[in-house]
Amino acid sequence: MSMDDFTGKVAVITGGASGIGRGIGRALAAEGAHVAVADINADGASQVAAELAGHGVDAIAVPLDVRDRSSVEQLATTVTDHFGHVDVVCNNAGVFLQGPMSDATEDDWRFVLSINLDGMFRVGQVFSALLRDAGRGGHIVNTASIGGFLTAPGLVAYTVSKFGVVAYSDALRVDLAPLGIGVSTLCPGPIRTDLPNSDRLRDASDVRGATSDPLGDLVTTGMDPDEVGPIVVAGIRRNAPYIFTHDTRDQFRARFDAVLAEFDHC
């Protein structure tokens, strides 16, 4: 569903303590939406919630680990107990690792997939059921990446996770459309975020193969995450299936032209 007026709407943002999540929270609060800032960084979430309350909206912080289903369920309970309902879910928590697949460990693979894809499922499953049962419609924004369509060296686990988010969102959109619930896939390009610090969420003994460090140079020159928030708000308004931050249509065209060309050989 499209959503023209956000005044009084309730938004839940995972990964909301920094980066894109914080940018989305700021944009929604500026539009008059109440916000639940959910993040594994509880102190950071509290700081962002306090800032958003300065817009005259109700904002709360909720600790969240998307790897833990009970944590996701507690988030839903806390939000519904406090606000009474939910209108917008920004499923945004994510991590990044880079390195040759031949050097990757099982821990590398599981770390990325457990947050970027399994965590996406947990939040989406719990909150889509909540939106369905409330019968108010609503909107879900799942954060994927340009890396959900385009590949690059050394990004196998990350790319698999983000291609998975794109597929998950496409399927979820079809499921929820009859219920008046929209689903948008956010596909950002380089953004200045905390992704280079993803290793902070792992035990030191697990950091042996891939690492999040190589991303640092890329994101330091990326788009300010506060610029992403209004782009997302505009995407929700038009019920966009995909929301992009950078014009990469030439790369997309090359990819899909290569796919289409293979049909000549059927």
C-alpha atoms as a PDB file:
ATOM      1  CA  MET A   1       0.000   0.000   0.000  1.00  0.00           C
ATOM      2  CA  SER A   2       1.101   3.575  -0.529  1.00  0.00           C
ATOM      3  CA  MET A   3       1.345   5.780   2.535  1.00  0.00           C
ATOM      4  CA  ASP A   4       1.045   9.510   1.947  1.00  0.00           C
ATOM      5  CA  ASP A   5       0.907  10.845   5.509  1.00  0.00           C
ATOM      6  CA  PHE A   6       3.270   9.512   8.181  1.00  0.00           C
ATOM      7  CA  THR A   7       1.926  11.683  10.999  1.00  0.00           C
ATOM      8  CA  GLY A   8       1.146   9.437  13.952  1.00  0.00           C
ATOM      9  CA  LYS A   9       2.265   6.298  12.135  1.00  0.00           C
ATOM     10  CA  VAL A  10       4.448   3.840  14.060  1.00  0.00           C
ATOM     11  CA  ALA A  11       7.729   2.693  12.514  1.00  0.00           C
ATOM     12  CA  VAL A  12      10.087  -0.037  13.718  1.00  0.00           C
ATOM     13  CA  ILE A  13      13.677   0.193  12.487  1.00  0.00           C
ATOM     14  CA  THR A  14      16.175  -2.604  13.065  1.00  0.00           C
ATOM     15  CA  GLY A  15      19.806  -1.587  12.937  1.00  0.00           C
ATOM     16  CA  GLY A  16      18.453   1.821  13.878  1.00  0.00           C
ATOM     17  CA  ALA A  17      21.303   3.052  16.071  1.00  0.00           C
ATOM     18  CA  SER A  18      23.560   4.167  13.227  1.00  0.00           C
ATOM     19  CA  GLY A  19      24.030   4.516   9.495  1.00  0.00           C
ATOM     20  CA  ILE A  20      21.098   3.918   7.187  1.00  0.00           C
ATOM     21  CA  GLY A  21      18.777   2.917  10.023  1.00  0.00           C
ATOM     22  CA  ARG A  22      19.421   6.150  11.884  1.00  0.00           C
ATOM     23  CA  GLY A  23      18.976   8.109   8.648  1.00  0.00           C
ATOM     24  CA  ILE A  24      15.602   6.461   8.042  1.00  0.00           C
ATOM     25  CA  GLY A  25      14.576   7.137  11.635  1.00  0.00           C
ATOM     26  CA  ARG A  26      15.434  10.809  11.323  1.00  0.00           C
ATOM     27  CA  ALA A  27      13.467  11.125   8.087  1.00  0.00           C
ATOM     28  CA  LEU A  28      10.395   9.367   9.469  1.00  0.00           C
ATOM     29  CA  ALA A  29      10.443  11.356  12.713  1.00  0.00           C
ATOM     30  CA  ALA A  30      10.676  14.562  10.688  1.00  0.00           C
ATOM     31  CA  GLU A  31       7.495  13.401   8.926  1.00  0.00           C
ATOM     32  CA  GLY A  32       5.734  12.976  12.277  1.00  0.00           C
ATOM     33  CA  ALA A  33       6.075   9.210  12.699  1.00  0.00           C
ATOM     34  CA  HIS A  34       6.662   7.579  16.069  1.00  0.00           C
ATOM     35  CA  VAL A  35       9.740   5.358  16.003  1.00  0.00           C
ATOM     36  CA  ALA A  36      11.027   2.248  17.762  1.00  0.00           C
ATOM     37  CA  VAL A  37      14.810   2.174  17.364  1.00  0.00           C
ATOM     38  CA  ALA A  38      15.968  -1.449  17.631  1.00  0.00           C
ATOM     39  CA  ASP A  39      19.630  -2.379  17.662  1.00  0.00           C
ATOM     40  CA  ILE A  40      22.153  -4.720  19.241  1.00  0.00           C
ATOM     41  CA  ASN A  41      23.887  -1.517  20.379  1.00  0.00           C
ATOM     42  CA  ALA A  42      21.430  -0.621  23.130  1.00  0.00           C
ATOM     43  CA  ASP A  43      23.244   2.566  24.169  1.00  0.00           C
ATOM     44  CA  GLY A  44      23.364   3.795  20.588  1.00  0.00           C
ATOM     45  CA  ALA A  45      19.671   3.032  20.141  1.00  0.00           C
ATOM     46  CA  SER A  46      18.851   5.025  23.271  1.00  0.00           C
ATOM     47  CA  GLN A  47      20.825   8.005  22.000  1.00  0.00           C
ATOM     48  CA  VAL A  48      19.042   7.956  18.645  1.00  0.00           C
ATOM     49  CA  ALA A  49      15.622   7.579  20.288  1.00  0.00           C
ATOM     50  CA  ALA A  50      16.332  10.586  22.508  1.00  0.00           C
ATOM     51  CA  GLU A  51      17.334  12.602  19.451  1.00  0.00           C
ATOM     52  CA  LEU A  52      14.217  11.621  17.500  1.00  0.00           C
ATOM     53  CA  ALA A  53      11.987  12.578  20.412  1.00  0.00           C
ATOM     54  CA  GLY A  54      13.224  16.111  19.805  1.00  0.00           C
ATOM     55  CA  HIS A  55      10.954  16.163  16.750  1.00  0.00           C
ATOM     56  CA  GLY A  56       7.972  15.965  19.094  1.00  0.00           C
ATOM     57  CA  VAL A  57       7.278  12.310  18.364  1.00  0.00           C
ATOM     58  CA  ASP A  58       7.297   9.296  20.658  1.00  0.00           C
ATOM     59  CA  ALA A  59      10.529   7.351  20.202  1.00  0.00           C
ATOM     60  CA  ILE A  60      11.732   4.347  22.169  1.00  0.00           C
ATOM     61  CA  ALA A  61      14.864   2.207  22.112  1.00  0.00           C
ATOM     62  CA  VAL A  62      14.667  -1.583  22.151  1.00  0.00           C
ATOM     63  CA  PRO A  63      17.679  -3.922  22.364  1.00  0.00           C
ATOM     64  CA  LEU A  64      17.626  -6.463  19.546  1.00  0.00           C
ATOM     65  CA  ASP A  65      19.724  -9.338  18.250  1.00  0.00           C
ATOM     66  CA  VAL A  66      18.163 -10.572  15.001  1.00  0.00           C
ATOM     67  CA  ARG A  67      20.027 -13.873  15.399  1.00  0.00           C
ATOM     68  CA  ASP A  68      17.738 -14.674  18.341  1.00  0.00           C
ATOM     69  CA  ARG A  69      14.075 -15.266  17.538  1.00  0.00           C
ATOM     70  CA  SER A  70      13.026 -14.602  21.123  1.00  0.00           C
ATOM     71  CA  SER A  71      14.679 -11.182  20.867  1.00  0.00           C
ATOM     72  CA  VAL A  72      12.664 -10.420  17.717  1.00  0.00           C
ATOM     73  CA  GLU A  73       9.456 -11.580  19.379  1.00  0.00           C
ATOM     74  CA  GLN A  74      10.219  -9.418  22.409  1.00  0.00           C
ATOM     75  CA  LEU A  75      10.686  -6.436  20.094  1.00  0.00           C
ATOM     76  CA  ALA A  76       7.214  -7.006  18.637  1.00  0.00           C
ATOM     77  CA  THR A  77       5.716  -7.306  22.115  1.00  0.00           C
ATOM     78  CA  THR A  78       7.457  -4.178  23.387  1.00  0.00           C
ATOM     79  CA  VAL A  79       6.377  -2.121  20.387  1.00  0.00           C
ATOM     80  CA  THR A  80       2.741  -3.233  20.457  1.00  0.00           C
ATOM     81  CA  ASP A  81       2.526  -2.777  24.228  1.00  0.00           C
ATOM     82  CA  HIS A  82       3.907   0.759  23.934  1.00  0.00           C
ATOM     83  CA  PHE A  83       2.312   2.034  20.715  1.00  0.00           C
ATOM     84  CA  GLY A  84      -0.623  -0.326  20.234  1.00  0.00           C
ATOM     85  CA  HIS A  85       0.173  -1.117  16.611  1.00  0.00           C
ATOM     86  CA  VAL A  86       2.812  -0.945  13.865  1.00  0.00           C
ATOM     87  CA  ASP A  87       2.562   0.650  10.414  1.00  0.00           C
ATOM     88  CA  VAL A  88       6.084   0.566   8.964  1.00  0.00           C
ATOM     89  CA  VAL A  89       8.843  -2.010   9.480  1.00  0.00           C
ATOM     90  CA  CYS A  90      12.348  -1.179   8.259  1.00  0.00           C
ATOM     91  CA  ASN A  91      14.184  -4.503   8.315  1.00  0.00           C
ATOM     92  CA  ASN A  92      17.657  -3.026   8.151  1.00  0.00           C
ATOM     93  CA  ALA A  93      20.142  -4.834  10.417  1.00  0.00           C
ATOM     94  CA  GLY A  94      23.115  -6.200   8.495  1.00  0.00           C
ATOM     95  CA  VAL A  95      26.841  -6.965   8.464  1.00  0.00           C
ATOM     96  CA  PHE A  96      29.647  -7.238   5.926  1.00  0.00           C
ATOM     97  CA  LEU A  97      32.682  -9.469   5.453  1.00  0.00           C
ATOM     98  CA  GLN A  98      35.124  -9.553   2.557  1.00  0.00           C
ATOM     99  CA  GLY A  99      37.803 -12.020   1.507  1.00  0.00           C
ATOM    100  CA  PRO A 100      38.456 -14.903  -0.901  1.00  0.00           C
ATOM    101  CA  MET A 101      36.006 -17.775  -0.490  1.00  0.00           C
ATOM    102  CA  SER A 102      38.974 -20.157  -0.379  1.00  0.00           C
ATOM    103  CA  ASP A 103      40.085 -18.460   2.851  1.00  0.00           C
ATOM    104  CA  ALA A 104      36.626 -18.150   4.408  1.00  0.00           C
ATOM    105  CA  THR A 105      35.636 -20.169   7.435  1.00  0.00           C
ATOM    106  CA  GLU A 106      32.357 -21.757   8.381  1.00  0.00           C
ATOM    107  CA  ASP A 107      32.065 -19.042  11.027  1.00  0.00           C
ATOM    108  CA  ASP A 108      32.425 -16.335   8.363  1.00  0.00           C
ATOM    109  CA  TRP A 109      29.616 -17.827   6.312  1.00  0.00           C
ATOM    110  CA  ARG A 110      27.280 -18.401   9.243  1.00  0.00           C
ATOM    111  CA  PHE A 111      27.962 -14.960  10.730  1.00  0.00           C
ATOM    112  CA  VAL A 112      26.915 -13.143   7.557  1.00  0.00           C
ATOM    113  CA  LEU A 113      23.945 -15.348   6.692  1.00  0.00           C
ATOM    114  CA  SER A 114      22.634 -15.525  10.263  1.00  0.00           C
ATOM    115  CA  ILE A 115      22.204 -11.755  10.365  1.00  0.00           C
ATOM    116  CA  ASN A 116      21.704 -10.631   6.772  1.00  0.00           C
ATOM    117  CA  LEU A 117      19.321 -13.376   5.663  1.00  0.00           C
ATOM    118  CA  ASP A 118      18.117 -15.435   8.631  1.00  0.00           C
ATOM    119  CA  GLY A 119      17.652 -12.266  10.691  1.00  0.00           C
ATOM    120  CA  MET A 120      15.745 -10.705   7.794  1.00  0.00           C
ATOM    121  CA  PHE A 121      13.419 -13.713   7.779  1.00  0.00           C
ATOM    122  CA  ARG A 122      12.850 -13.623  11.540  1.00  0.00           C
ATOM    123  CA  VAL A 123      11.915  -9.948  11.620  1.00  0.00           C
ATOM    124  CA  GLY A 124       9.844 -10.215   8.447  1.00  0.00           C
ATOM    125  CA  GLN A 125       7.977 -13.297   9.626  1.00  0.00           C
ATOM    126  CA  VAL A 126       7.105 -11.916  13.055  1.00  0.00           C
ATOM    127  CA  PHE A 127       6.084  -8.461  11.866  1.00  0.00           C
ATOM    128  CA  SER A 128       4.265  -9.528   8.689  1.00  0.00           C
ATOM    129  CA  ALA A 129       2.074 -11.723  10.889  1.00  0.00           C
ATOM    130  CA  LEU A 130       1.532  -8.784  13.228  1.00  0.00           C
ATOM    131  CA  LEU A 131       0.555  -6.492  10.337  1.00  0.00           C
ATOM    132  CA  ARG A 132      -1.708  -9.155   8.859  1.00  0.00           C
ATOM    133  CA  ASP A 133      -3.544  -9.756  12.123  1.00  0.00           C
ATOM    134  CA  ALA A 134      -4.005  -6.025  12.747  1.00  0.00           C
ATOM    135  CA  GLY A 135      -5.709  -5.597   9.377  1.00  0.00           C
ATOM    136  CA  ARG A 136      -4.461  -2.016   8.989  1.00  0.00           C
ATOM    137  CA  GLY A 137      -2.225  -2.543   5.982  1.00  0.00           C
ATOM    138  CA  GLY A 138       1.307  -1.231   6.350  1.00  0.00           C
ATOM    139  CA  HIS A 139       4.690  -1.286   4.702  1.00  0.00           C
ATOM    140  CA  ILE A 140       7.915  -3.277   5.048  1.00  0.00           C
ATOM    141  CA  VAL A 141      11.294  -2.058   3.797  1.00  0.00           C
ATOM    142  CA  ASN A 142      13.981  -4.743   3.561  1.00  0.00           C
ATOM    143  CA  THR A 143      17.536  -3.471   3.210  1.00  0.00           C
ATOM    144  CA  ALA A 144      19.444  -5.418   0.564  1.00  0.00           C
ATOM    145  CA  SER A 145      22.196  -3.773  -1.491  1.00  0.00           C
ATOM    146  CA  ILE A 146      23.327  -3.093  -5.023  1.00  0.00           C
ATOM    147  CA  GLY A 147      25.229  -6.280  -4.153  1.00  0.00           C
ATOM    148  CA  GLY A 148      21.870  -8.065  -4.305  1.00  0.00           C
ATOM    149  CA  PHE A 149      21.996  -7.696  -8.091  1.00  0.00           C
ATOM    150  CA  LEU A 150      25.662  -7.179  -8.972  1.00  0.00           C
ATOM    151  CA  THR A 151      28.704  -9.198  -7.932  1.00  0.00           C
ATOM    152  CA  ALA A 152      32.262  -8.226  -7.020  1.00  0.00           C
ATOM    153  CA  PRO A 153      35.398 -10.197  -6.054  1.00  0.00           C
ATOM    154  CA  GLY A 154      35.740 -11.422  -2.495  1.00  0.00           C
ATOM    155  CA  LEU A 155      32.102 -10.940  -1.541  1.00  0.00           C
ATOM    156  CA  VAL A 156      30.594 -14.412  -1.857  1.00  0.00           C
ATOM    157  CA  ALA A 157      28.879 -14.650   1.544  1.00  0.00           C
ATOM    158  CA  TYR A 158      27.723 -11.031   1.492  1.00  0.00           C
ATOM    159  CA  THR A 159      26.476 -11.317  -2.097  1.00  0.00           C
ATOM    160  CA  VAL A 160      24.594 -14.545  -1.393  1.00  0.00           C
ATOM    161  CA  SER A 161      22.926 -12.907   1.595  1.00  0.00           C
ATOM    162  CA  LYS A 162      21.872  -9.816  -0.356  1.00  0.00           C
ATOM    163  CA  PHE A 163      20.689 -11.742  -3.428  1.00  0.00           C
ATOM    164  CA  GLY A 164      18.658 -13.711  -0.889  1.00  0.00           C
ATOM    165  CA  VAL A 165      17.138 -10.542   0.557  1.00  0.00           C
ATOM    166  CA  VAL A 166      16.077  -9.426  -2.928  1.00  0.00           C
ATOM    167  CA  ALA A 167      14.437 -12.803  -3.611  1.00  0.00           C
ATOM    168  CA  TYR A 168      12.858 -12.882  -0.150  1.00  0.00           C
ATOM    169  CA  SER A 169      11.418  -9.406  -0.647  1.00  0.00           C
ATOM    170  CA  ASP A 170      10.064 -10.206  -4.108  1.00  0.00           C
ATOM    171  CA  ALA A 171       8.273 -13.279  -2.756  1.00  0.00           C
ATOM    172  CA  LEU A 172       7.024 -11.474   0.348  1.00  0.00           C
ATOM    173  CA  ARG A 173       5.648  -8.642  -1.810  1.00  0.00           C
ATOM    174  CA  VAL A 174       3.478 -11.120  -3.723  1.00  0.00           C
ATOM    175  CA  ASP A 175       2.267 -12.741  -0.496  1.00  0.00           C
ATOM    176  CA  LEU A 176       1.351  -9.509   1.281  1.00  0.00           C
ATOM    177  CA  ALA A 177      -0.048  -7.382  -1.557  1.00  0.00           C
ATOM    178  CA  PRO A 178      -3.595  -8.808  -1.192  1.00  0.00           C
ATOM    179  CA  LEU A 179      -3.509  -7.690   2.458  1.00  0.00           C
ATOM    180  CA  GLY A 180      -2.674  -4.082   1.602  1.00  0.00           C
ATOM    181  CA  ILE A 181       0.870  -4.469   2.926  1.00  0.00           C
ATOM    182  CA  GLY A 182       3.581  -3.071   0.672  1.00  0.00           C
ATOM    183  CA  VAL A 183       7.137  -4.391   0.485  1.00  0.00           C
ATOM    184  CA  SER A 184      10.084  -2.362  -0.798  1.00  0.00           C
ATOM    185  CA  THR A 185      13.635  -3.595  -1.276  1.00  0.00           C
ATOM    186  CA  LEU A 186      16.196  -0.925  -0.414  1.00  0.00           C
ATOM    187  CA  CYS A 187      19.294  -1.387  -2.577  1.00  0.00           C
ATOM    188  CA  PRO A 188      21.885   1.173  -1.483  1.00  0.00           C
ATOM    189  CA  GLY A 189      25.216   1.755  -3.147  1.00  0.00           C
ATOM    190  CA  PRO A 190      28.222   2.959  -1.119  1.00  0.00           C
ATOM    191  CA  ILE A 191      26.996   4.640   2.087  1.00  0.00           C
ATOM    192  CA  ARG A 192      29.018   5.923   5.050  1.00  0.00           C
ATOM    193  CA  THR A 193      27.939   3.369   7.657  1.00  0.00           C
ATOM    194  CA  ASP A 194      29.304   1.173  10.450  1.00  0.00           C
ATOM    195  CA  LEU A 195      29.566  -1.889   8.170  1.00  0.00           C
ATOM    196  CA  PRO A 196      33.396  -1.740   8.316  1.00  0.00           C
ATOM    197  CA  ASN A 197      33.042  -2.456  12.047  1.00  0.00           C
ATOM    198  CA  SER A 198      31.011  -5.646  11.604  1.00  0.00           C
ATOM    199  CA  ASP A 199      33.758  -7.713  13.259  1.00  0.00           C
ATOM    200  CA  ARG A 200      32.808  -6.139  16.593  1.00  0.00           C
ATOM    201  CA  LEU A 201      29.808  -8.493  16.692  1.00  0.00           C
ATOM    202  CA  ARG A 202      31.959 -11.634  16.539  1.00  0.00           C
ATOM    203  CA  ASP A 203      34.043 -13.419  19.103  1.00  0.00           C
ATOM    204  CA  ALA A 204      37.723 -12.659  18.551  1.00  0.00           C
ATOM    205  CA  SER A 205      38.405 -16.371  18.089  1.00  0.00           C
ATOM    206  CA  ASP A 206      36.082 -16.397  15.052  1.00  0.00           C
ATOM    207  CA  VAL A 207      37.898 -13.647  13.127  1.00  0.00           C
ATOM    208  CA  ARG A 208      40.279 -15.799  11.099  1.00  0.00           C
ATOM    209  CA  GLY A 209      39.148 -15.759   7.466  1.00  0.00           C
ATOM    210  CA  ALA A 210      37.126 -12.942   5.947  1.00  0.00           C
ATOM    211  CA  THR A 211      37.144  -9.501   7.528  1.00  0.00           C
ATOM    212  CA  SER A 212      35.044  -6.354   7.377  1.00  0.00           C
ATOM    213  CA  ASP A 213      38.108  -4.045   7.227  1.00  0.00           C
ATOM    214  CA  PRO A 214      38.495  -3.783   3.402  1.00  0.00           C
ATOM    215  CA  LEU A 215      35.145  -2.002   3.140  1.00  0.00           C
ATOM    216  CA  GLY A 216      36.489   0.997   5.017  1.00  0.00           C
ATOM    217  CA  ASP A 217      37.918   2.937   2.075  1.00  0.00           C
ATOM    218  CA  LEU A 218      34.756   2.430   0.050  1.00  0.00           C
ATOM    219  CA  VAL A 219      32.257   3.695   2.596  1.00  0.00           C
ATOM    220  CA  THR A 220      34.308   6.645   3.818  1.00  0.00           C
ATOM    221  CA  THR A 221      33.627   8.286   0.452  1.00  0.00           C
ATOM    222  CA  GLY A 222      30.031   7.065   0.229  1.00  0.00           C
ATOM    223  CA  MET A 223      26.728   8.868   0.507  1.00  0.00           C
ATOM    224  CA  ASP A 224      25.757  10.405   3.847  1.00  0.00           C
ATOM    225  CA  PRO A 225      23.183   8.032   5.404  1.00  0.00           C
ATOM    226  CA  ASP A 226      20.985  11.011   6.241  1.00  0.00           C
ATOM    227  CA  GLU A 227      20.458  11.371   2.490  1.00  0.00           C
ATOM    228  CA  VAL A 228      19.075   7.841   2.353  1.00  0.00           C
ATOM    229  CA  GLY A 229      16.214   8.494   4.789  1.00  0.00           C
ATOM    230  CA  PRO A 230      14.198  10.835   2.544  1.00  0.00           C
ATOM    231  CA  ILE A 231      14.787   8.489  -0.409  1.00  0.00           C
ATOM    232  CA  VAL A 232      13.236   5.666   1.613  1.00  0.00           C
ATOM    233  CA  VAL A 233      10.296   7.803   2.719  1.00  0.00           C
ATOM    234  CA  ALA A 234       9.617   8.714  -0.920  1.00  0.00           C
ATOM    235  CA  GLY A 235       9.828   5.032  -1.872  1.00  0.00           C
ATOM    236  CA  ILE A 236       7.288   4.050   0.775  1.00  0.00           C
ATOM    237  CA  ARG A 237       4.979   6.811  -0.427  1.00  0.00           C
ATOM    238  CA  ARG A 238       4.887   5.415  -3.961  1.00  0.00           C
ATOM    239  CA  ASN A 239       4.907   1.778  -2.819  1.00  0.00           C
ATOM    240  CA  ALA A 240       8.105   1.243  -4.807  1.00  0.00           C
ATOM    241  CA  PRO A 241       9.165  -2.383  -5.269  1.00  0.00           C
ATOM    242  CA  TYR A 242      12.823  -1.258  -5.288  1.00  0.00           C
ATOM    243  CA  ILE A 243      14.479   1.796  -3.783  1.00  0.00           C
ATOM    244  CA  PHE A 244      17.901   2.793  -5.133  1.00  0.00           C
ATOM    245  CA  THR A 245      20.349   5.393  -3.856  1.00  0.00           C
ATOM    246  CA  HIS A 246      22.770   5.411  -6.798  1.00  0.00           C
ATOM    247  CA  ASP A 247      22.167   5.304 -10.549  1.00  0.00           C
ATOM    248  CA  THR A 248      23.705   1.986 -11.582  1.00  0.00           C
ATOM    249  CA  ARG A 249      21.389   1.304 -14.508  1.00  0.00           C
ATOM    250  CA  ASP A 250      24.289   0.734 -16.918  1.00  0.00           C
ATOM    251  CA  GLN A 251      25.648  -2.080 -14.732  1.00  0.00           C
ATOM    252  CA  PHE A 252      22.148  -3.527 -14.383  1.00  0.00           C
ATOM    253  CA  ARG A 253      21.591  -3.329 -18.138  1.00  0.00           C
ATOM    254  CA  ALA A 254      24.844  -5.168 -18.824  1.00  0.00           C
ATOM    255  CA  ARG A 255      23.934  -7.902 -16.354  1.00  0.00           C
ATOM    256  CA  PHE A 256      20.426  -8.484 -17.642  1.00  0.00           C
ATOM    257  CA  ASP A 257      21.397  -8.148 -21.300  1.00  0.00           C
ATOM    258  CA  ALA A 258      23.868 -10.980 -20.722  1.00  0.00           C
ATOM    259  CA  VAL A 259      21.087 -13.078 -19.184  1.00  0.00           C
ATOM    260  CA  LEU A 260      18.617 -12.325 -21.975  1.00  0.00           C
ATOM    261  CA  ALA A 261      21.199 -13.100 -24.651  1.00  0.00           C
ATOM    262  CA  GLU A 262      21.394 -16.689 -23.437  1.00  0.00           C
ATOM    263  CA  PHE A 263      17.761 -17.262 -24.399  1.00  0.00           C
ATOM    264  CA  ASP A 264      18.953 -17.153 -28.012  1.00  0.00           C
ATOM    265  CA  HIS A 265      20.506 -20.555 -27.351  1.00  0.00           C
ATOM    266  CA  CYS A 266      17.370 -22.300 -26.099  1.00  0.00           C
END
